[in-house]
Protein backbone atom coordinates (compact mmCIF):
# COMPACT_ATOMS: atom_id res chain seq x y z
CA MET A 1 -11.29 -4.00 -7.23
CA GLU A 2 -8.70 -6.41 -8.57
CA LYS A 3 -5.02 -5.40 -8.44
CA ASN A 4 -4.55 -5.62 -12.21
CA THR A 5 -7.58 -3.46 -12.90
CA SER A 6 -6.54 -0.90 -10.32
CA MET A 7 -2.98 -0.75 -11.63
CA LYS A 8 -4.27 -0.28 -15.17
CA LYS A 9 -6.47 2.57 -13.96
CA ILE A 10 -3.49 4.25 -12.29
CA SER A 11 -1.33 3.72 -15.39
CA ASP A 12 -3.98 5.31 -17.59
CA LYS A 13 -3.93 8.42 -15.41
CA VAL A 14 -0.23 8.96 -14.80
CA GLY A 15 1.62 6.70 -17.21
CA ARG A 16 3.24 3.32 -16.69
CA ASP A 17 6.56 4.42 -15.20
CA LYS A 18 5.02 6.92 -12.81
CA ALA A 19 2.38 4.36 -11.75
CA ILE A 20 5.11 1.86 -10.89
CA GLU A 21 7.01 4.51 -8.94
CA LEU A 22 3.92 5.62 -7.00
CA VAL A 23 2.85 2.09 -6.12
CA LEU A 24 6.40 1.10 -5.15
CA ASN A 25 6.63 4.08 -2.79
CA ALA A 26 3.22 3.25 -1.30
CA TYR A 27 4.29 -0.41 -0.95
CA ASN A 28 7.41 0.64 0.95
CA THR A 29 5.23 2.78 3.21
CA GLU A 30 2.99 -0.23 3.88
CA LEU A 31 6.03 -2.33 4.81
CA VAL A 32 7.37 0.30 7.20
CA ALA A 33 3.95 0.69 8.82
CA SER A 34 3.76 -3.08 9.24
CA TRP A 35 7.22 -3.22 10.81
CA LEU A 36 6.29 -0.42 13.20
CA ARG A 37 3.14 -2.30 14.27
CA HIS A 38 5.27 -5.37 15.00
CA ILE A 39 7.85 -3.35 16.95
CA GLU A 40 5.16 -1.58 18.99
CA ALA A 41 3.44 -4.89 19.74
CA SER A 42 6.69 -6.51 20.88
CA GLN A 43 7.64 -3.53 23.05
CA SER A 44 4.27 -3.54 24.79
CA GLY A 45 5.24 -6.83 26.40
CA LYS A 46 2.08 -8.46 25.17
CA ASN A 47 2.17 -11.43 22.85
CA VAL A 48 -0.10 -9.92 20.21
CA ARG A 49 -0.64 -11.76 16.95
CA LEU A 50 -0.93 -9.30 14.11
CA GLU A 51 -2.90 -10.23 11.02
CA ARG A 52 -1.13 -10.81 7.73
CA ARG A 53 -1.79 -7.99 5.29
CA ASP A 54 -1.66 -7.79 1.52
CA HIS A 55 0.81 -4.92 1.27
CA LEU A 56 0.58 -4.66 -2.50
CA ALA A 57 -3.22 -4.44 -2.48
CA ASN A 58 -3.07 -1.79 0.25
CA ALA A 59 -0.45 0.18 -1.70
CA ILE A 60 -2.49 0.11 -4.89
CA ALA A 61 -5.58 1.14 -2.92
CA ARG A 62 -3.69 4.13 -1.45
CA VAL A 63 -2.53 5.32 -4.87
CA THR A 64 -5.95 4.74 -6.44
CA GLU A 65 -7.60 6.74 -3.67
CA VAL A 66 -5.25 9.68 -4.26
CA CYS A 67 -5.71 9.48 -8.04
CA ASP A 68 -9.48 9.50 -7.58
CA LEU A 69 -9.23 12.74 -5.62
CA SER A 70 -7.94 14.48 -8.74
CA GLU A 71 -11.13 13.78 -10.71
């Protein structure tokens, strides 16, 4: 699902301001998880190349998944 469509779906359920807050919190969680993966990879002593992720898409997917549980 496209980001705009997913964000609209979330906004319809919880309101615009709350949707922004939820997605922002999920986005921050995605960033922290990404940083932790990088730190763990560097501490393992292996030169591991981690794939680039779309943090915003993952954050919206997390929030959408939780919103869908309430149906």
